[in-house]
C-alpha atoms as a PDB file:
ATOM      1  CA  MET A   1      95.702 -24.911 -45.173  1.00  0.00           C
ATOM      2  CA  ARG A   2      92.502 -25.110 -42.724  1.00  0.00           C
ATOM      3  CA  LYS A   3      94.886 -26.000 -40.070  1.00  0.00           C
ATOM      4  CA  LEU A   4      96.538 -22.324 -41.028  1.00  0.00           C
ATOM      5  CA  TYR A   5      92.960 -20.690 -41.241  1.00  0.00           C
ATOM      6  CA  ILE A   6      92.287 -22.104 -37.770  1.00  0.00           C
ATOM      7  CA  LEU A   7      95.672 -20.710 -36.496  1.00  0.00           C
ATOM      8  CA  LEU A   8      95.015 -17.284 -37.676  1.00  0.00           C
ATOM      9  CA  THR A   9      91.715 -17.308 -36.786  1.00  0.00           C
ATOM     10  CA  ILE A  10      92.687 -17.440 -32.878  1.00  0.00           C
ATOM     11  CA  LEU A  11      95.542 -15.084 -32.914  1.00  0.00           C
ATOM     12  CA  LEU A  12      92.761 -12.771 -34.308  1.00  0.00           C
ATOM     13  CA  SER A  13      90.802 -12.976 -31.319  1.00  0.00           C
ATOM     14  CA  ILE A  14      93.348 -12.658 -29.299  1.00  0.00           C
ATOM     15  CA  VAL A  15      94.811  -9.384 -30.882  1.00  0.00           C
ATOM     16  CA  LEU A  16      90.575  -7.961 -30.456  1.00  0.00           C
ATOM     17  CA  ILE A  17      90.559  -9.721 -27.147  1.00  0.00           C
ATOM     18  CA  MET A  18      93.660  -7.944 -26.313  1.00  0.00           C
ATOM     19  CA  PHE A  19      92.561  -4.601 -27.616  1.00  0.00           C
ATOM     20  CA  LEU A  20      88.754  -4.764 -26.276  1.00  0.00           C
ATOM     21  CA  THR A  21      90.805  -4.536 -22.718  1.00  0.00           C
ATOM     22  CA  ALA A  22      93.359  -2.403 -23.426  1.00  0.00           C
ATOM     23  CA  CYS A  23      90.034  -0.210 -24.335  1.00  0.00           C
ATOM     24  CA  SER A  24      88.172  -0.985 -21.298  1.00  0.00           C
ATOM     25  CA  ASN A  25      91.301  -0.211 -18.730  1.00  0.00           C
ATOM     26  CA  ASN A  26      91.715   3.186 -20.852  1.00  0.00           C
ATOM     27  CA  GLU A  27      90.110   5.493 -18.380  1.00  0.00           C
ATOM     28  CA  GLU A  28      91.610   8.454 -17.703  1.00  0.00           C
ATOM     29  CA  GLN A  29      93.402   9.340 -15.178  1.00  0.00           C
ATOM     30  CA  TYR A  30      93.186  12.428 -12.734  1.00  0.00           C
ATOM     31  CA  GLU A  31      95.533  13.353 -11.277  1.00  0.00           C
ATOM     32  CA  PHE A  32      94.846  14.209  -7.245  1.00  0.00           C
ATOM     33  CA  PRO A  33      94.331  17.011  -6.347  1.00  0.00           C
ATOM     34  CA  ILE A  34      91.830  17.015  -8.537  1.00  0.00           C
ATOM     35  CA  SER A  35      91.299  20.718  -9.910  1.00  0.00           C
ATOM     36  CA  ARG A  36      88.688  23.049 -10.611  1.00  0.00           C
ATOM     37  CA  LEU A  37      88.717  22.177 -14.462  1.00  0.00           C
ATOM     38  CA  ASP A  38      88.293  18.826 -14.034  1.00  0.00           C
ATOM     39  CA  LEU A  39      85.722  18.594 -11.869  1.00  0.00           C
ATOM     40  CA  GLU A  40      83.605  21.046 -14.296  1.00  0.00           C
ATOM     41  CA  LYS A  41      84.841  18.760 -17.093  1.00  0.00           C
ATOM     42  CA  GLU A  42      83.345  15.804 -15.389  1.00  0.00           C
ATOM     43  CA  LEU A  43      80.202  17.278 -14.153  1.00  0.00           C
ATOM     44  CA  GLU A  44      79.516  18.408 -17.984  1.00  0.00           C
ATOM     45  CA  GLU A  45      80.134  15.823 -19.577  1.00  0.00           C
ATOM     46  CA  GLN A  46      78.035  13.497 -16.831  1.00  0.00           C
ATOM     47  CA  GLY A  47      74.857  15.947 -17.431  1.00  0.00           C
ATOM     48  CA  LEU A  48      75.339  16.435 -13.595  1.00  0.00           C
ATOM     49  CA  ASN A  49      73.583  20.250 -12.641  1.00  0.00           C
ATOM     50  CA  TRP A  50      75.848  21.057  -9.362  1.00  0.00           C
ATOM     51  CA  SER A  51      77.567  24.061  -9.281  1.00  0.00           C
ATOM     52  CA  ILE A  52      80.874  24.561  -7.935  1.00  0.00           C
ATOM     53  CA  LYS A  53      80.442  27.159  -4.879  1.00  0.00           C
ATOM     54  CA  GLU A  54      84.083  27.564  -3.863  1.00  0.00           C
ATOM     55  CA  LEU A  55      87.769  25.356  -3.727  1.00  0.00           C
ATOM     56  CA  SER A  56      90.076  25.586  -0.496  1.00  0.00           C
ATOM     57  CA  VAL A  57      93.477  24.675  -0.956  1.00  0.00           C
ATOM     58  CA  ILE A  58      94.769  23.733   2.355  1.00  0.00           C
ATOM     59  CA  ASN A  59      98.425  22.760   0.621  1.00  0.00           C
ATOM     60  CA  GLU A  60      99.522  21.692  -2.687  1.00  0.00           C
ATOM     61  CA  LYS A  61      99.026  18.263  -1.794  1.00  0.00           C
ATOM     62  CA  GLN A  62      94.723  18.669  -0.623  1.00  0.00           C
ATOM     63  CA  ASN A  63      91.850  20.676  -1.904  1.00  0.00           C
ATOM     64  CA  ILE A  64      88.147  20.896  -1.099  1.00  0.00           C
ATOM     65  CA  ILE A  65      85.768  21.591  -3.643  1.00  0.00           C
ATOM     66  CA  SER A  66      82.193  22.717  -2.101  1.00  0.00           C
ATOM     67  CA  LEU A  67      79.583  22.215  -4.510  1.00  0.00           C
ATOM     68  CA  THR A  68      75.522  23.045  -4.710  1.00  0.00           C
ATOM     69  CA  ASN A  69      72.154  22.619  -6.115  1.00  0.00           C
ATOM     70  CA  ASP A  70      69.114  24.797  -6.616  1.00  0.00           C
ATOM     71  CA  ASP A  71      67.702  22.824  -3.521  1.00  0.00           C
ATOM     72  CA  ASN A  72      70.487  24.470  -1.564  1.00  0.00           C
ATOM     73  CA  THR A  73      71.825  20.821  -1.041  1.00  0.00           C
ATOM     74  CA  MET A  74      75.657  21.292  -0.060  1.00  0.00           C
ATOM     75  CA  PHE A  75      77.890  18.927  -1.932  1.00  0.00           C
ATOM     76  CA  SER A  76      82.058  18.758  -1.619  1.00  0.00           C
ATOM     77  CA  ILE A  77      84.688  16.201  -2.601  1.00  0.00           C
ATOM     78  CA  GLY A  78      87.672  16.521  -0.744  1.00  0.00           C
ATOM     79  CA  THR A  79      91.172  14.421  -2.117  1.00  0.00           C
ATOM     80  CA  ILE A  80      94.540  14.256  -0.911  1.00  0.00           C
ATOM     81  CA  LEU A  81      97.743  12.718  -2.509  1.00  0.00           C
ATOM     82  CA  ASP A  82     100.456  11.895   0.190  1.00  0.00           C
ATOM     83  CA  GLU A  83     103.181   9.900   0.608  1.00  0.00           C
ATOM     84  CA  ASP A  84     100.429   6.664   1.405  1.00  0.00           C
ATOM     85  CA  GLY A  85      98.635   7.574  -1.593  1.00  0.00           C
ATOM     86  CA  LYS A  86      94.989   8.541  -2.980  1.00  0.00           C
ATOM     87  CA  VAL A  87      92.187   9.277  -0.532  1.00  0.00           C
ATOM     88  CA  LEU A  88      88.719  11.073  -1.774  1.00  0.00           C
ATOM     89  CA  ASN A  89      86.592  12.431   0.754  1.00  0.00           C
ATOM     90  CA  MET A  90      82.589  13.048  -0.401  1.00  0.00           C
ATOM     91  CA  THR A  91      80.726  14.964   2.328  1.00  0.00           C
ATOM     92  CA  TRP A  92      76.287  16.228   1.804  1.00  0.00           C
ATOM     93  CA  PHE A  93      74.266  17.857   3.875  1.00  0.00           C
ATOM     94  CA  LEU A  94      70.852  18.314   2.645  1.00  0.00           C
ATOM     95  CA  PRO A  95      68.966  21.610   4.228  1.00  0.00           C
ATOM     96  CA  SER A  96      66.573  21.773   6.665  1.00  0.00           C
ATOM     97  CA  ASN A  97      63.467  23.323   4.928  1.00  0.00           C
ATOM     98  CA  ILE A  98      63.977  19.897   2.464  1.00  0.00           C
ATOM     99  CA  THR A  99      60.327  18.363   0.961  1.00  0.00           C
ATOM    100  CA  GLU A 100      60.295  14.443   1.651  1.00  0.00           C
ATOM    101  CA  ASP A 101      59.792  14.574  -2.088  1.00  0.00           C
ATOM    102  CA  LYS A 102      63.232  16.208  -2.513  1.00  0.00           C
ATOM    103  CA  PHE A 103      64.634  14.063   0.363  1.00  0.00           C
ATOM    104  CA  ASN A 104      63.913  10.830  -1.896  1.00  0.00           C
ATOM    105  CA  LEU A 105      64.837  12.840  -5.151  1.00  0.00           C
ATOM    106  CA  PHE A 106      68.874  13.386  -3.752  1.00  0.00           C
ATOM    107  CA  TYR A 107      68.815   9.986  -2.508  1.00  0.00           C
ATOM    108  CA  ASN A 108      67.381   7.628  -5.311  1.00  0.00           C
ATOM    109  CA  ASN A 109      68.491  10.057  -7.997  1.00  0.00           C
ATOM    110  CA  GLU A 110      71.198  12.297  -7.471  1.00  0.00           C
ATOM    111  CA  LEU A 111      73.516  10.644  -5.028  1.00  0.00           C
ATOM    112  CA  PRO A 112      73.836   7.738  -7.298  1.00  0.00           C
ATOM    113  CA  GLU A 113      75.179  10.203 -10.216  1.00  0.00           C
ATOM    114  CA  LEU A 114      77.500  11.739  -7.931  1.00  0.00           C
ATOM    115  CA  PHE A 115      78.785   8.584  -6.686  1.00  0.00           C
ATOM    116  CA  LYS A 116      80.369   7.649 -10.016  1.00  0.00           C
ATOM    117  CA  LEU A 117      82.525  10.302  -9.718  1.00  0.00           C
ATOM    118  CA  VAL A 118      84.228   7.941  -7.099  1.00  0.00           C
ATOM    119  CA  GLY A 119      85.656   5.679  -9.308  1.00  0.00           C
ATOM    120  CA  ILE A 120      85.880   8.208 -11.975  1.00  0.00           C
ATOM    121  CA  PHE A 121      88.326  10.143 -10.093  1.00  0.00           C
ATOM    122  CA  TYR A 122      89.437   7.910  -8.190  1.00  0.00           C
ATOM    123  CA  GLY A 123      89.838   5.352 -10.848  1.00  0.00           C
ATOM    124  CA  ASN A 124      88.740   0.578 -11.078  1.00  0.00           C
ATOM    125  CA  LYS A 125      85.665   2.694 -11.816  1.00  0.00           C
ATOM    126  CA  LYS A 126      83.796  -0.494 -12.626  1.00  0.00           C
ATOM    127  CA  GLU A 127      84.445  -2.191  -8.684  1.00  0.00           C
ATOM    128  CA  MET A 128      84.372   1.215  -7.889  1.00  0.00           C
ATOM    129  CA  ASP A 129      80.331   1.275  -9.285  1.00  0.00           C
ATOM    130  CA  LYS A 130      79.610  -2.226  -7.793  1.00  0.00           C
ATOM    131  CA  GLY A 131      80.856  -1.343  -4.632  1.00  0.00           C
ATOM    132  CA  LEU A 132      78.551   2.015  -4.240  1.00  0.00           C
ATOM    133  CA  ASN A 133      75.745   0.301  -5.703  1.00  0.00           C
ATOM    134  CA  GLU A 134      75.521  -2.339  -3.408  1.00  0.00           C
ATOM    135  CA  LEU A 135      75.567   0.479  -0.373  1.00  0.00           C
ATOM    136  CA  LEU A 136      72.942   2.237  -2.341  1.00  0.00           C
ATOM    137  CA  ASN A 137      70.226  -0.732  -2.096  1.00  0.00           C
ATOM    138  CA  TYR A 138      71.700  -1.637   1.314  1.00  0.00           C
ATOM    139  CA  PHE A 139      70.807   1.575   2.769  1.00  0.00           C
ATOM    140  CA  HIS A 140      67.439   1.956   0.422  1.00  0.00           C
ATOM    141  CA  GLU A 141      65.762  -1.167   2.502  1.00  0.00           C
ATOM    142  CA  GLU A 142      63.412   0.401   5.180  1.00  0.00           C
ATOM    143  CA  PRO A 143      65.118   0.336   7.903  1.00  0.00           C
ATOM    144  CA  ASN A 144      68.084   1.575   6.844  1.00  0.00           C
ATOM    145  CA  TYR A 145      66.627   4.481   4.572  1.00  0.00           C
ATOM    146  CA  LYS A 146      65.255   5.665   8.020  1.00  0.00           C
ATOM    147  CA  ASN A 147      67.958   5.200  10.588  1.00  0.00           C
ATOM    148  CA  GLY A 148      70.700   5.650   8.918  1.00  0.00           C
ATOM    149  CA  ILE A 149      73.685   3.489   8.373  1.00  0.00           C
ATOM    150  CA  TYR A 150      77.164   3.151   8.933  1.00  0.00           C
ATOM    151  CA  TRP A 151      78.819   0.656   6.074  1.00  0.00           C
ATOM    152  CA  THR A 152      82.447  -0.133   5.683  1.00  0.00           C
ATOM    153  CA  LYS A 153      83.532  -1.854   1.970  1.00  0.00           C
ATOM    154  CA  ARG A 154      86.963  -3.437   0.814  1.00  0.00           C
ATOM    155  CA  ILE A 155      87.007  -3.393  -2.323  1.00  0.00           C
ATOM    156  CA  GLY A 156      90.492  -5.018  -3.808  1.00  0.00           C
ATOM    157  CA  LYS A 157      93.116  -2.970  -2.090  1.00  0.00           C
ATOM    158  CA  HIS A 158      90.930  -0.158  -1.452  1.00  0.00           C
ATOM    159  CA  HIS A 159      88.715   0.944   1.821  1.00  0.00           C
ATOM    160  CA  PHE A 160      84.766   2.541   1.400  1.00  0.00           C
ATOM    161  CA  LYS A 161      83.535   4.007   4.664  1.00  0.00           C
ATOM    162  CA  ALA A 162      80.240   5.568   4.985  1.00  0.00           C
ATOM    163  CA  LYS A 163      78.465   7.001   7.196  1.00  0.00           C
ATOM    164  CA  ILE A 164      74.984   8.641   6.766  1.00  0.00           C
ATOM    165  CA  THR A 165      73.249  10.277   9.873  1.00  0.00           C
ATOM    166  CA  PRO A 166      69.347  10.433  10.440  1.00  0.00           C
ATOM    167  CA  PHE A 167      67.915  13.342  12.862  1.00  0.00           C
ATOM    168  CA  LYS A 168      65.265  16.280  12.944  1.00  0.00           C
ATOM    169  CA  SER A 169      65.157  19.490  12.165  1.00  0.00           C
ATOM    170  CA  ILE A 170      63.068  21.653  14.257  1.00  0.00           C
ATOM    171  CA  ASN A 171      60.329  21.967  11.605  1.00  0.00           C
ATOM    172  CA  ASN A 172      60.070  17.718  11.875  1.00  0.00           C
ATOM    173  CA  TYR A 173      61.995  16.907   8.847  1.00  0.00           C
ATOM    174  CA  ILE A 174      63.946  14.171   8.640  1.00  0.00           C
ATOM    175  CA  HIS A 175      67.089  14.826   6.861  1.00  0.00           C
ATOM    176  CA  ARG A 176      70.902  13.598   6.921  1.00  0.00           C
ATOM    177  CA  ILE A 177      74.759  14.144   7.208  1.00  0.00           C
ATOM    178  CA  GLY A 178      76.506  11.591   4.756  1.00  0.00           C
ATOM    179  CA  THR A 179      80.239  11.241   4.194  1.00  0.00           C
ATOM    180  CA  LEU A 180      81.976   8.559   1.822  1.00  0.00           C
ATOM    181  CA  LEU A 181      85.704   8.241   2.500  1.00  0.00           C
ATOM    182  CA  VAL A 182      88.104   6.021  -0.260  1.00  0.00           C
ATOM    183  CA  MET A 183      91.576   4.723   0.622  1.00  0.00           C
ATOM    184  CA  ASN A 184      94.188   2.619   0.127  1.00  0.00           C
ATOM    185  CA  GLY A 185      94.906   0.423   3.366  1.00  0.00           C
ATOM    186  CA  LYS A 186      97.862   1.992   4.277  1.00  0.00           C
ATOM    187  CA  SER A 187      96.008   5.101   4.495  1.00  0.00           C
ATOM    188  CA  TYR A 188      92.893   2.921   6.147  1.00  0.00           C
ATOM    189  CA  GLU A 189      95.569   2.200   8.972  1.00  0.00           C
ATOM    190  CA  ASN A 190      96.567   5.635   9.278  1.00  0.00           C
ATOM    191  CA  ASN A 191      93.477   6.937   9.615  1.00  0.00           C
ATOM    192  CA  MET A 192      92.773   4.146  12.706  1.00  0.00           C
ATOM    193  CA  ARG A 193      95.924   5.178  14.020  1.00  0.00           C
ATOM    194  CA  ILE A 194      94.978   8.986  13.960  1.00  0.00           C
ATOM    195  CA  ILE A 195      91.377   8.494  15.194  1.00  0.00           C
ATOM    196  CA  TYR A 196      92.389   5.803  17.944  1.00  0.00           C
ATOM    197  CA  GLU A 197      95.482   8.893  19.082  1.00  0.00           C
ATOM    198  CA  ALA A 198      92.514  10.889  19.394  1.00  0.00           C
ATOM    199  CA  ARG A 199      90.749   8.919  21.627  1.00  0.00           C
ATOM    200  CA  LYS A 200      93.322   8.241  23.624  1.00  0.00           C
ATOM    201  CA  LYS A 201      93.412  12.550  24.547  1.00  0.00           C
ATOM    202  CA  ASN A 202      90.347  12.711  25.210  1.00  0.00           C
ATOM    203  CA  ASN A 203      90.119  14.924  28.540  1.00  0.00           C
ATOM    204  CA  SER A 204      86.388  14.821  28.631  1.00  0.00           C
ATOM    205  CA  ILE A 205      85.808  10.943  30.180  1.00  0.00           C
ATOM    206  CA  GLU A 206      88.119   8.910  31.591  1.00  0.00           C
ATOM    207  CA  ILE A 207      89.935   5.652  29.809  1.00  0.00           C
ATOM    208  CA  ASN A 208      91.751   3.350  31.396  1.00  0.00           C
ATOM    209  CA  LYS A 209      94.706   1.205  29.771  1.00  0.00           C
ATOM    210  CA  SER A 210      93.719  -2.013  30.746  1.00  0.00           C
ATOM    211  CA  THR A 211      94.496  -6.079  29.869  1.00  0.00           C
ATOM    212  CA  VAL A 212      92.341  -8.911  29.552  1.00  0.00           C
ATOM    213  CA  SER A 213      91.959 -10.416  32.656  1.00  0.00           C
ATOM    214  CA  GLU A 214      91.700  -6.513  33.938  1.00  0.00           C
ATOM    215  CA  ILE A 215      88.618  -6.187  32.235  1.00  0.00           C
ATOM    216  CA  ILE A 216      86.931  -9.216  33.072  1.00  0.00           C
ATOM    217  CA  LYS A 217      88.018  -8.806  37.263  1.00  0.00           C
ATOM    218  CA  PHE A 218      86.694  -4.849  36.750  1.00  0.00           C
ATOM    219  CA  GLU A 219      84.474  -3.813  39.784  1.00  0.00           C
ATOM    220  CA  HIS A 220      81.200  -2.987  38.292  1.00  0.00           C
ATOM    221  CA  PRO A 221      79.583   0.246  39.214  1.00  0.00           C
ATOM    222  CA  GLU A 222      76.406  -0.168  41.261  1.00  0.00           C
ATOM    223  CA  ASP A 223      74.215   2.250  38.410  1.00  0.00           C
ATOM    224  CA  LYS A 224      75.175   0.505  35.541  1.00  0.00           C
ATOM    225  CA  GLU A 225      71.877   1.559  33.577  1.00  0.00           C
ATOM    226  CA  ILE A 226      73.729   5.010  32.356  1.00  0.00           C
ATOM    227  CA  ALA A 227      77.105   3.487  33.281  1.00  0.00           C
ATOM    228  CA  MET A 228      80.089   3.623  30.261  1.00  0.00           C
ATOM    229  CA  ASN A 229      83.503   2.509  30.683  1.00  0.00           C
ATOM    230  CA  TYR A 230      86.577   3.141  28.432  1.00  0.00           C
ATOM    231  CA  PHE A 231      89.412   1.003  27.815  1.00  0.00           C
ATOM    232  CA  LEU A 232      92.353   0.758  25.634  1.00  0.00           C
ATOM    233  CA  ILE A 233      93.426  -2.883  25.475  1.00  0.00           C
ATOM    234  CA  LYS A 234      96.352  -4.148  23.226  1.00  0.00           C
ATOM    235  CA  GLY A 235      95.575  -7.725  21.775  1.00  0.00           C
ATOM    236  CA  SER A 236      94.767  -9.512  18.906  1.00  0.00           C
ATOM    237  CA  LEU A 237      90.857 -10.378  17.486  1.00  0.00           C
ATOM    238  CA  LYS A 238      90.191 -13.882  16.746  1.00  0.00           C
ATOM    239  CA  ASP A 239      86.980 -16.368  16.202  1.00  0.00           C
ATOM    240  CA  VAL A 240      85.761 -12.984  13.873  1.00  0.00           C
ATOM    241  CA  ARG A 241      81.927 -14.144  12.585  1.00  0.00           C
ATOM    242  CA  LYS A 242      79.216 -11.986  11.145  1.00  0.00           C
ATOM    243  CA  ILE A 243      76.045 -11.877  13.941  1.00  0.00           C
ATOM    244  CA  LYS A 244      73.625 -14.214  12.834  1.00  0.00           C
ATOM    245  CA  GLU A 245      70.278 -12.584  14.526  1.00  0.00           C
ATOM    246  CA  VAL A 246      71.503  -9.016  16.300  1.00  0.00           C
ATOM    247  CA  PRO A 247      71.484  -9.780  19.896  1.00  0.00           C
ATOM    248  CA  GLU A 248      69.147  -8.455  22.704  1.00  0.00           C
ATOM    249  CA  SER A 249      71.970  -6.337  24.090  1.00  0.00           C
ATOM    250  CA  LEU A 250      72.433  -4.364  20.835  1.00  0.00           C
ATOM    251  CA  LYS A 251      69.212  -4.527  19.239  1.00  0.00           C
ATOM    252  CA  ASN A 252      67.396  -2.808  22.290  1.00  0.00           C
ATOM    253  CA  SER A 253      69.877  -1.024  23.370  1.00  0.00           C
ATOM    254  CA  ASN A 254      69.484   3.120  23.498  1.00  0.00           C
ATOM    255  CA  ARG A 255      73.023   3.882  23.676  1.00  0.00           C
ATOM    256  CA  SER A 256      73.869   6.552  21.080  1.00  0.00           C
ATOM    257  CA  PHE A 257      77.324   5.256  19.581  1.00  0.00           C
ATOM    258  CA  ILE A 258      75.851   1.952  18.909  1.00  0.00           C
ATOM    259  CA  MET A 259      75.646   2.069  14.928  1.00  0.00           C
ATOM    260  CA  PRO A 260      72.240   1.532  13.597  1.00  0.00           C
ATOM    261  CA  ASN A 261      72.624  -1.186  11.356  1.00  0.00           C
ATOM    262  CA  LYS A 262      73.662  -3.435  13.920  1.00  0.00           C
ATOM    263  CA  ASP A 263      73.524  -6.229  12.335  1.00  0.00           C
ATOM    264  CA  LYS A 264      76.587  -4.947  10.819  1.00  0.00           C
ATOM    265  CA  TYR A 265      78.516  -5.591  13.931  1.00  0.00           C
ATOM    266  CA  LEU A 266      80.686  -8.803  14.085  1.00  0.00           C
ATOM    267  CA  SER A 267      81.167 -11.197  17.375  1.00  0.00           C
ATOM    268  CA  ALA A 268      84.890 -12.269  18.371  1.00  0.00           C
ATOM    269  CA  LYS A 269      87.756 -13.229  20.709  1.00  0.00           C
ATOM    270  CA  LEU A 270      89.972 -10.353  22.082  1.00  0.00           C
ATOM    271  CA  PHE A 271      93.152 -12.306  23.270  1.00  0.00           C
ATOM    272  CA  ASP A 272      96.214 -11.062  24.611  1.00  0.00           C
ATOM    273  CA  ASP A 273      99.215 -12.433  27.520  1.00  0.00           C
ATOM    274  CA  THR A 274      96.522 -12.659  29.982  1.00  0.00           C
ATOM    275  CA  GLY A 275      93.439 -14.036  28.347  1.00  0.00           C
ATOM    276  CA  SER A 276      90.520 -13.540  26.389  1.00  0.00           C
ATOM    277  CA  ILE A 277      87.239 -12.126  26.492  1.00  0.00           C
ATOM    278  CA  ASP A 278      84.309 -12.335  23.864  1.00  0.00           C
ATOM    279  CA  VAL A 279      83.336  -8.604  22.510  1.00  0.00           C
ATOM    280  CA  PHE A 280      81.503  -6.647  19.913  1.00  0.00           C
ATOM    281  CA  LEU A 281      83.395  -5.637  16.867  1.00  0.00           C
ATOM    282  CA  GLN A 282      81.764  -2.299  14.978  1.00  0.00           C
ATOM    283  CA  SER A 283      81.935  -3.034  11.025  1.00  0.00           C
ATOM    284  CA  THR A 284      85.011  -3.065   9.480  1.00  0.00           C
ATOM    285  CA  SER A 285      87.625  -3.870   6.393  1.00  0.00           C
ATOM    286  CA  LEU A 286      89.989  -5.246   8.030  1.00  0.00           C
ATOM    287  CA  ASN A 287      89.826  -9.203   6.521  1.00  0.00           C
ATOM    288  CA  ASN A 288      90.421 -11.575   9.443  1.00  0.00           C
ATOM    289  CA  ASN A 289      94.711 -12.340   9.102  1.00  0.00           C
ATOM    290  CA  GLU A 290      94.345  -8.157   9.893  1.00  0.00           C
ATOM    291  CA  LEU A 291      92.581  -8.361  12.873  1.00  0.00           C
ATOM    292  CA  LYS A 292      94.475 -11.516  14.201  1.00  0.00           C
ATOM    293  CA  LEU A 293      97.751  -9.080  13.602  1.00  0.00           C
ATOM    294  CA  GLU A 294      98.322  -7.259  17.187  1.00  0.00           C
ATOM    295  CA  ARG A 295      96.359  -3.820  17.584  1.00  0.00           C
ATOM    296  CA  GLU A 296      95.612  -1.069  20.193  1.00  0.00           C
ATOM    297  CA  HIS A 297      92.087  -1.334  20.099  1.00  0.00           C
ATOM    298  CA  TYR A 298      89.711   1.209  21.577  1.00  0.00           C
ATOM    299  CA  ALA A 299      86.627  -0.039  23.561  1.00  0.00           C
ATOM    300  CA  ILE A 300      83.240   0.898  25.176  1.00  0.00           C
ATOM    301  CA  MET A 301      81.978  -1.105  28.145  1.00  0.00           C
ATOM    302  CA  PHE A 302      77.862  -0.881  28.943  1.00  0.00           C
ATOM    303  CA  TYR A 303      75.601  -2.953  30.535  1.00  0.00           C
ATOM    304  CA  TYR A 304      72.592  -4.182  28.929  1.00  0.00           C
ATOM    305  CA  GLU A 305      70.059  -5.944  32.088  1.00  0.00           C
ATOM    306  CA  ASN A 306      72.532  -5.531  34.438  1.00  0.00           C
ATOM    307  CA  ASN A 307      75.067  -7.834  32.128  1.00  0.00           C
ATOM    308  CA  PRO A 308      78.852  -6.147  30.817  1.00  0.00           C
ATOM    309  CA  VAL A 309      78.745  -6.130  26.759  1.00  0.00           C
ATOM    310  CA  LEU A 310      82.407  -4.830  25.117  1.00  0.00           C
ATOM    311  CA  ILE A 311      82.317  -3.198  22.292  1.00  0.00           C
ATOM    312  CA  ILE A 312      85.544  -2.032  20.466  1.00  0.00           C
ATOM    313  CA  PHE A 313      85.204   0.577  18.152  1.00  0.00           C
ATOM    314  CA  ASN A 314      88.767   1.375  16.520  1.00  0.00           C
ATOM    315  CA  SER A 315      91.557  -0.563  16.144  1.00  0.00           C
ATOM    316  CA  ALA A 316      95.139   0.585  15.296  1.00  0.00           C
ATOM    317  CA  ILE A 317      98.043  -1.408  14.459  1.00  0.00           C
ATOM    318  CA  THR A 318     100.705  -1.219  17.101  1.00  0.00           C
ATOM    319  CA  GLU A 319     104.243   0.962  16.564  1.00  0.00           C
END
């Protein structure tokens, strides 16, 4: 009898665990692109004091919904559903006359609440909330809160890309434009391909299609203080590592294209059939195995104390 009681207890425990698991995973699934009614419903349920200003329908698979609050802060949510899967894009713009107190209120209180919509609409809410809290905690560190960030992260099969940019308005208030992009692996690779192709077509700068050996032998200009050279290189990245200490070439450079949170750069070796060269790599959510694949890399060379520094900004899978 005692054995039967123990067996029944175990079975009941298993059933209870299965029930609780099912309940915890029973998130409401929203179809992309999200509708105005869906957003209105969640704004009300989450107690978010934002008004929908405009719904822009790009096509049947893509739209953008713009919102505003009492401080005239602009916020938009763009959602796409295509053959690669779901893509969610958030953008915010704080007005030029915003006070420092309201600026801090937005980044400390309002933006974290708005970020909850990512998990609600995209799914996987627990992991999404955890990842975005990590982003906000990093941003609120003193140097990042002042200078802005470029941040990437992989959560399961999903990629996050966030950029918060500082600049000063005419009345000297510091305010920021911010963007957050969430997508799956296939969409992420496609996004990098689009960026890569756009840079190839950039007629305002001269881009050299090169090999590693050609870069090593590159004839450097005499005026290195302002010189920059742009390269497209087909190869793979190996020995990718986090930088323990930010090098002087990044830390002290005044080049505008270097992202503000320099501690997020990686070091690596770029290989092709002609040799290898040391490079810095902008923060990426690709893992080492993905970076080892042959890719087409967009790189910029600048000079620090007359020595060349090569930074890779985008790496797209070769076709």
